Amino acid sequence: MLHLTKVAFACESLEYLAARLAARAAAGPVRLTTRYRPKRHEELIGGSLFWILKHKLVARSEILAFADSEDGRIDIIVSPDLIPVRPMPRRAHQGWRYLEPDAAPPDWQTGDGEQDVMPAALAGELAAMGLL
């Protein structure tokens, strides 16, 4: 199953992102708008949208469907449930990018620590230099 990555724009923390998704879910399905329907959209349904926060993949939301929006754009409908994943460095980008299943980080397990994960500041500096 194929996945997407997307920057959690204007989110300072995982808690803020979770609250933002919950607020959107209170008004109906959680919709993220994009200009174009992904060419591989059929492979994405049932996959996940992995959120980038401070140059790390930190959580995922299940992709439920794609729908045409009223303004001619495309809505990516995702689950409001935010599933933390093992942090993994990832450069910020505009829009979304595909993420192959074998490159996706595993879900966060109780007892996981961050001792073997690169600090966000270092990941950001390396990403700015094009090394990540």
N, C-alpha and C. Protein backbone atom coordinates (compact mmCIF):
# COMPACT_ATOMS: atom_id res chain seq x y z
N MET A 1 0.83 -1.17 0.00
CA MET A 1 0.00 0.00 0.00
C MET A 1 0.89 1.24 0.00
N LEU A 2 0.59 2.17 -0.84
CA LEU A 2 1.38 3.38 -1.01
C LEU A 2 0.94 4.44 0.00
N HIS A 3 1.86 5.33 0.36
CA HIS A 3 1.58 6.38 1.34
C HIS A 3 1.95 7.75 0.75
N LEU A 4 1.56 8.81 1.47
CA LEU A 4 1.93 10.18 1.13
C LEU A 4 2.63 10.81 2.32
N THR A 5 3.45 11.83 2.06
CA THR A 5 3.99 12.67 3.13
C THR A 5 3.51 14.09 2.90
N LYS A 6 3.30 14.81 3.99
CA LYS A 6 2.84 16.20 3.92
C LYS A 6 3.33 16.94 5.15
N VAL A 7 3.72 18.19 4.96
CA VAL A 7 4.16 19.02 6.08
C VAL A 7 2.93 19.43 6.89
N ALA A 8 3.05 19.35 8.21
CA ALA A 8 1.99 19.81 9.12
C ALA A 8 2.16 21.31 9.27
N PHE A 9 1.69 22.05 8.29
CA PHE A 9 1.91 23.50 8.20
C PHE A 9 1.35 24.22 9.42
N ALA A 10 2.17 25.10 9.99
CA ALA A 10 1.80 25.95 11.13
C ALA A 10 1.54 25.17 12.41
N CYS A 11 2.00 23.95 12.49
CA CYS A 11 1.85 23.16 13.72
C CYS A 11 3.17 23.18 14.48
N GLU A 12 3.09 23.51 15.75
CA GLU A 12 4.28 23.57 16.59
C GLU A 12 4.55 22.26 17.31
N SER A 13 3.51 21.41 17.42
CA SER A 13 3.68 20.17 18.16
C SER A 13 2.71 19.12 17.64
N LEU A 14 2.98 17.89 18.01
CA LEU A 14 2.10 16.78 17.66
C LEU A 14 0.74 16.96 18.32
N GLU A 15 0.73 17.49 19.53
CA GLU A 15 -0.53 17.72 20.25
C GLU A 15 -1.38 18.74 19.51
N TYR A 16 -0.76 19.79 18.99
CA TYR A 16 -1.50 20.82 18.25
C TYR A 16 -2.10 20.22 16.97
N LEU A 17 -1.32 19.39 16.27
CA LEU A 17 -1.82 18.74 15.06
C LEU A 17 -3.01 17.84 15.38
N ALA A 18 -2.91 17.08 16.47
CA ALA A 18 -4.02 16.21 16.87
C ALA A 18 -5.27 17.03 17.18
N ALA A 19 -5.10 18.16 17.87
CA ALA A 19 -6.24 19.02 18.20
C ALA A 19 -6.84 19.62 16.93
N ARG A 20 -6.01 20.00 15.99
CA ARG A 20 -6.49 20.57 14.73
C ARG A 20 -7.30 19.54 13.94
N LEU A 21 -6.81 18.30 13.88
CA LEU A 21 -7.56 17.25 13.19
C LEU A 21 -8.88 16.96 13.89
N ALA A 22 -8.86 16.94 15.22
CA ALA A 22 -10.09 16.70 15.99
C ALA A 22 -11.11 17.81 15.74
N ALA A 23 -10.65 19.04 15.67
CA ALA A 23 -11.56 20.17 15.41
C ALA A 23 -12.18 20.06 14.03
N ARG A 24 -11.38 19.67 13.05
CA ARG A 24 -11.92 19.49 11.70
C ARG A 24 -12.90 18.33 11.66
N ALA A 25 -12.63 17.26 12.42
CA ALA A 25 -13.52 16.10 12.44
C ALA A 25 -14.87 16.45 13.05
N ALA A 26 -14.90 17.39 13.98
CA ALA A 26 -16.15 17.81 14.60
C ALA A 26 -17.09 18.44 13.57
N ALA A 27 -16.54 18.99 12.49
CA ALA A 27 -17.34 19.63 11.44
C ALA A 27 -17.63 18.69 10.28
N GLY A 28 -17.20 17.43 10.37
CA GLY A 28 -17.42 16.47 9.29
C GLY A 28 -16.13 15.77 8.94
N PRO A 29 -16.08 15.13 7.77
CA PRO A 29 -14.86 14.41 7.37
C PRO A 29 -13.66 15.36 7.30
N VAL A 30 -12.49 14.85 7.66
CA VAL A 30 -11.26 15.65 7.60
C VAL A 30 -10.78 15.65 6.15
N ARG A 31 -10.81 16.84 5.56
CA ARG A 31 -10.45 17.00 4.15
C ARG A 31 -9.21 17.88 4.02
N LEU A 32 -8.27 17.42 3.23
CA LEU A 32 -7.08 18.20 2.89
C LEU A 32 -7.18 18.48 1.39
N THR A 33 -7.08 19.72 1.02
CA THR A 33 -7.29 20.10 -0.38
C THR A 33 -5.96 20.14 -1.12
N THR A 34 -5.99 19.63 -2.35
CA THR A 34 -4.82 19.66 -3.22
C THR A 34 -5.27 20.05 -4.62
N ARG A 35 -4.35 20.51 -5.41
CA ARG A 35 -4.71 20.97 -6.76
C ARG A 35 -5.01 19.81 -7.70
N TYR A 36 -4.21 18.76 -7.63
CA TYR A 36 -4.36 17.65 -8.57
C TYR A 36 -4.57 16.33 -7.84
N ARG A 37 -5.35 15.46 -8.45
CA ARG A 37 -5.54 14.10 -7.92
C ARG A 37 -4.25 13.33 -8.18
N PRO A 38 -3.69 12.68 -7.16
CA PRO A 38 -2.48 11.88 -7.40
C PRO A 38 -2.74 10.82 -8.48
N LYS A 39 -1.78 10.64 -9.36
CA LYS A 39 -1.95 9.64 -10.43
C LYS A 39 -2.13 8.24 -9.85
N ARG A 40 -1.53 7.99 -8.69
CA ARG A 40 -1.59 6.66 -8.07
C ARG A 40 -2.61 6.64 -6.93
N HIS A 41 -3.67 7.44 -7.05
CA HIS A 41 -4.64 7.60 -5.95
C HIS A 41 -5.29 6.28 -5.53
N GLU A 42 -5.52 5.37 -6.46
CA GLU A 42 -6.15 4.09 -6.10
C GLU A 42 -5.26 3.28 -5.16
N GLU A 43 -3.94 3.38 -5.32
CA GLU A 43 -3.01 2.67 -4.44
C GLU A 43 -2.92 3.30 -3.06
N LEU A 44 -3.34 4.57 -2.95
CA LEU A 44 -3.21 5.31 -1.69
C LEU A 44 -4.35 5.03 -0.71
N ILE A 45 -5.52 4.66 -1.22
CA ILE A 45 -6.66 4.43 -0.34
C ILE A 45 -6.35 3.24 0.56
N GLY A 46 -6.45 3.47 1.87
CA GLY A 46 -6.06 2.46 2.85
C GLY A 46 -4.63 2.64 3.33
N GLY A 47 -3.85 3.43 2.59
CA GLY A 47 -2.49 3.78 3.02
C GLY A 47 -2.57 4.90 4.04
N SER A 48 -1.46 5.56 4.28
CA SER A 48 -1.43 6.62 5.28
C SER A 48 -0.84 7.90 4.73
N LEU A 49 -1.25 9.01 5.31
CA LEU A 49 -0.63 10.30 5.08
C LEU A 49 0.29 10.52 6.28
N PHE A 50 1.58 10.55 6.04
CA PHE A 50 2.57 10.74 7.10
C PHE A 50 2.84 12.23 7.24
N TRP A 51 2.75 12.74 8.45
CA TRP A 51 2.91 14.15 8.75
C TRP A 51 4.36 14.48 9.08
N ILE A 52 4.88 15.55 8.46
CA ILE A 52 6.23 16.05 8.73
C ILE A 52 6.09 17.23 9.69
N LEU A 53 6.80 17.14 10.79
CA LEU A 53 6.80 18.20 11.80
C LEU A 53 8.24 18.41 12.24
N LYS A 54 8.75 19.62 12.07
CA LYS A 54 10.12 19.96 12.44
C LYS A 54 11.14 19.00 11.81
N HIS A 55 10.98 18.78 10.52
CA HIS A 55 11.90 17.96 9.72
C HIS A 55 11.93 16.49 10.13
N LYS A 56 10.82 15.99 10.66
CA LYS A 56 10.71 14.57 10.99
C LYS A 56 9.33 14.08 10.63
N LEU A 57 9.24 12.83 10.14
CA LEU A 57 7.95 12.17 10.05
C LEU A 57 7.60 11.78 11.48
N VAL A 58 6.45 12.21 11.97
CA VAL A 58 6.14 11.99 13.39
C VAL A 58 4.82 11.26 13.63
N ALA A 59 3.93 11.26 12.65
CA ALA A 59 2.63 10.62 12.85
C ALA A 59 2.00 10.34 11.50
N ARG A 60 0.92 9.56 11.54
CA ARG A 60 0.22 9.25 10.29
C ARG A 60 -1.28 9.24 10.51
N SER A 61 -2.00 9.50 9.42
CA SER A 61 -3.45 9.42 9.40
C SER A 61 -3.83 8.55 8.21
N GLU A 62 -4.78 7.66 8.38
CA GLU A 62 -5.19 6.77 7.29
C GLU A 62 -5.89 7.57 6.20
N ILE A 63 -5.56 7.26 4.94
CA ILE A 63 -6.22 7.87 3.79
C ILE A 63 -7.47 7.06 3.50
N LEU A 64 -8.63 7.73 3.59
CA LEU A 64 -9.91 7.04 3.42
C LEU A 64 -10.45 7.12 2.00
N ALA A 65 -10.26 8.27 1.35
CA ALA A 65 -10.84 8.46 0.02
C ALA A 65 -10.29 9.73 -0.62
N PHE A 66 -10.64 9.90 -1.90
CA PHE A 66 -10.38 11.12 -2.64
C PHE A 66 -11.72 11.58 -3.20
N ALA A 67 -11.95 12.88 -3.20
CA ALA A 67 -13.22 13.41 -3.69
C ALA A 67 -12.98 14.72 -4.42
N ASP A 68 -13.84 14.99 -5.41
CA ASP A 68 -13.78 16.27 -6.10
C ASP A 68 -14.41 17.32 -5.19
N SER A 69 -13.74 18.46 -5.06
CA SER A 69 -14.31 19.54 -4.24
C SER A 69 -15.09 20.48 -5.15
N GLU A 70 -15.88 21.33 -4.55
CA GLU A 70 -16.75 22.23 -5.31
C GLU A 70 -15.98 23.24 -6.15
N ASP A 71 -14.77 23.58 -5.74
CA ASP A 71 -13.99 24.58 -6.48
C ASP A 71 -13.10 23.98 -7.55
N GLY A 72 -13.29 22.69 -7.86
CA GLY A 72 -12.50 22.05 -8.91
C GLY A 72 -11.22 21.42 -8.41
N ARG A 73 -10.93 21.55 -7.14
CA ARG A 73 -9.74 20.93 -6.58
C ARG A 73 -10.08 19.52 -6.09
N ILE A 74 -9.13 18.87 -5.48
CA ILE A 74 -9.31 17.50 -5.00
C ILE A 74 -9.17 17.48 -3.48
N ASP A 75 -10.05 16.78 -2.81
CA ASP A 75 -9.96 16.59 -1.37
C ASP A 75 -9.38 15.21 -1.07
N ILE A 76 -8.39 15.19 -0.20
CA ILE A 76 -7.88 13.93 0.34
C ILE A 76 -8.59 13.79 1.68
N ILE A 77 -9.40 12.76 1.83
CA ILE A 77 -10.15 12.55 3.06
C ILE A 77 -9.36 11.58 3.93
N VAL A 78 -9.01 12.04 5.13
CA VAL A 78 -8.19 11.23 6.04
C VAL A 78 -8.93 10.99 7.35
N SER A 79 -8.50 9.97 8.04
CA SER A 79 -9.03 9.67 9.37
C SER A 79 -8.58 10.75 10.35
N PRO A 80 -9.44 11.14 11.28
CA PRO A 80 -9.01 12.13 12.28
C PRO A 80 -8.07 11.54 13.33
N ASP A 81 -7.95 10.21 13.34
CA ASP A 81 -7.06 9.55 14.30
C ASP A 81 -5.61 9.76 13.88
N LEU A 82 -4.82 10.25 14.80
CA LEU A 82 -3.40 10.50 14.56
C LEU A 82 -2.61 9.40 15.24
N ILE A 83 -1.86 8.63 14.47
CA ILE A 83 -1.08 7.51 14.99
C ILE A 83 0.38 7.92 15.02
N PRO A 84 0.99 8.06 16.20
CA PRO A 84 2.41 8.41 16.26
C PRO A 84 3.27 7.32 15.64
N VAL A 85 4.33 7.74 14.96
CA VAL A 85 5.28 6.79 14.37
C VAL A 85 6.66 7.07 14.93
N ARG A 86 7.53 6.13 14.76
CA ARG A 86 8.92 6.31 15.19
C ARG A 86 9.50 7.47 14.38
N PRO A 87 9.94 8.56 15.02
CA PRO A 87 10.42 9.74 14.28
C PRO A 87 11.51 9.38 13.27
N MET A 88 11.39 9.98 12.10
CA MET A 88 12.33 9.70 11.02
C MET A 88 12.62 11.01 10.29
N PRO A 89 13.88 11.39 10.11
CA PRO A 89 14.19 12.64 9.43
C PRO A 89 13.59 12.70 8.03
N ARG A 90 13.05 13.86 7.68
CA ARG A 90 12.47 14.06 6.35
C ARG A 90 12.49 15.55 6.03
N ARG A 91 12.99 15.88 4.87
CA ARG A 91 13.02 17.28 4.45
C ARG A 91 11.61 17.80 4.21
N ALA A 92 11.41 19.06 4.52
CA ALA A 92 10.13 19.70 4.24
C ALA A 92 9.98 19.86 2.72
N HIS A 93 8.74 19.91 2.26
CA HIS A 93 8.46 20.09 0.84
C HIS A 93 7.09 20.72 0.70
N GLN A 94 6.78 21.20 -0.48
CA GLN A 94 5.46 21.75 -0.73
C GLN A 94 4.54 20.64 -1.19
N GLY A 95 3.26 20.74 -0.85
CA GLY A 95 2.30 19.74 -1.30
C GLY A 95 2.52 18.41 -0.63
N TRP A 96 2.41 17.35 -1.39
CA TRP A 96 2.59 16.00 -0.87
C TRP A 96 3.61 15.26 -1.74
N ARG A 97 4.14 14.18 -1.21
CA ARG A 97 5.06 13.30 -1.94
C ARG A 97 4.68 11.86 -1.64
N TYR A 98 4.93 10.98 -2.60
CA TYR A 98 4.70 9.56 -2.37
C TYR A 98 5.73 9.02 -1.39
N LEU A 99 5.33 8.00 -0.64
CA LEU A 99 6.23 7.30 0.27
C LEU A 99 5.97 5.81 0.08
N GLU A 100 6.97 5.10 -0.38
CA GLU A 100 6.83 3.66 -0.60
C GLU A 100 6.70 2.94 0.75
N PRO A 101 5.98 1.83 0.78
CA PRO A 101 5.75 1.12 2.04
C PRO A 101 7.03 0.72 2.79
N ASP A 102 8.06 0.31 2.07
CA ASP A 102 9.29 -0.13 2.74
C ASP A 102 10.09 1.04 3.31
N ALA A 103 9.75 2.28 2.94
CA ALA A 103 10.44 3.46 3.46
C ALA A 103 9.67 4.12 4.61
N ALA A 104 8.49 3.62 4.90
CA ALA A 104 7.65 4.22 5.95
C ALA A 104 8.15 3.80 7.34
N PRO A 105 8.15 4.75 8.28
CA PRO A 105 8.57 4.39 9.64
C PRO A 105 7.51 3.56 10.34
N PRO A 106 7.92 2.70 11.26
CA PRO A 106 6.94 1.90 12.01
C PRO A 106 6.19 2.75 13.02
N ASP A 107 5.03 2.26 13.44
CA ASP A 107 4.27 2.95 14.48
C ASP A 107 5.07 2.98 15.77
N TRP A 108 4.83 4.03 16.56
CA TRP A 108 5.49 4.21 17.85
C TRP A 108 4.99 3.13 18.80
N GLN A 109 5.88 2.45 19.46
CA GLN A 109 5.52 1.41 20.43
C GLN A 109 5.82 1.91 21.84
N THR A 110 5.03 1.51 22.80
CA THR A 110 5.28 1.88 24.18
C THR A 110 6.68 1.45 24.56
N GLY A 111 7.43 2.36 25.16
CA GLY A 111 8.80 2.05 25.55
C GLY A 111 9.84 2.50 24.55
N ASP A 112 9.39 2.92 23.34
CA ASP A 112 10.35 3.44 22.35
C ASP A 112 10.94 4.73 22.88
N GLY A 113 12.20 4.89 22.70
CA GLY A 113 12.88 6.13 23.10
C GLY A 113 13.39 6.83 21.87
N GLU A 114 13.90 8.02 22.05
CA GLU A 114 14.45 8.75 20.91
C GLU A 114 15.97 8.78 20.94
N GLN A 115 16.58 7.90 21.74
CA GLN A 115 18.02 7.96 21.86
C GLN A 115 18.74 7.64 20.56
N ASP A 116 18.13 6.88 19.65
CA ASP A 116 18.79 6.58 18.40
C ASP A 116 18.23 7.39 17.23
N VAL A 117 17.44 8.42 17.53
CA VAL A 117 16.87 9.28 16.50
C VAL A 117 17.63 10.60 16.49
N MET A 118 17.92 11.09 15.30
CA MET A 118 18.67 12.33 15.15
C MET A 118 17.88 13.50 15.74
N PRO A 119 18.52 14.37 16.50
CA PRO A 119 17.83 15.55 17.04
C PRO A 119 17.26 16.41 15.91
N ALA A 120 16.11 17.04 16.15
CA ALA A 120 15.43 17.83 15.13
C ALA A 120 16.31 18.95 14.59
N ALA A 121 17.05 19.62 15.47
CA ALA A 121 17.90 20.73 15.03
C ALA A 121 18.97 20.24 14.05
N LEU A 122 19.60 19.12 14.37
CA LEU A 122 20.62 18.56 13.48
C LEU A 122 20.00 18.10 12.17
N ALA A 123 18.83 17.45 12.24
CA ALA A 123 18.14 17.01 11.02
C ALA A 123 17.81 18.20 10.15
N GLY A 124 17.40 19.31 10.76
CA GLY A 124 17.08 20.53 10.00
C GLY A 124 18.29 21.10 9.32
N GLU A 125 19.43 21.13 10.01
CA GLU A 125 20.66 21.66 9.40
C GLU A 125 21.12 20.77 8.24
N LEU A 126 21.07 19.47 8.43
CA LEU A 126 21.49 18.55 7.36
C LEU A 126 20.53 18.64 6.16
N ALA A 127 19.23 18.80 6.44
CA ALA A 127 18.25 18.95 5.36
C ALA A 127 18.51 20.23 4.58
N ALA A 128 18.85 21.31 5.28
CA ALA A 128 19.13 22.59 4.60
C ALA A 128 20.35 22.48 3.70
N MET A 129 21.28 21.60 4.05
CA MET A 129 22.48 21.39 3.23
C MET A 129 22.23 20.37 2.13
N GLY A 130 21.03 19.79 2.12
CA GLY A 130 20.71 18.80 1.08
C GLY A 130 21.26 17.42 1.38
N LEU A 131 21.61 17.15 2.62
CA LEU A 131 22.18 15.85 2.96
C LEU A 131 21.14 14.86 3.47
N LEU A 132 19.94 15.32 3.72
CA LEU A 132 18.84 14.43 4.14
C LEU A 132 17.72 14.55 3.16
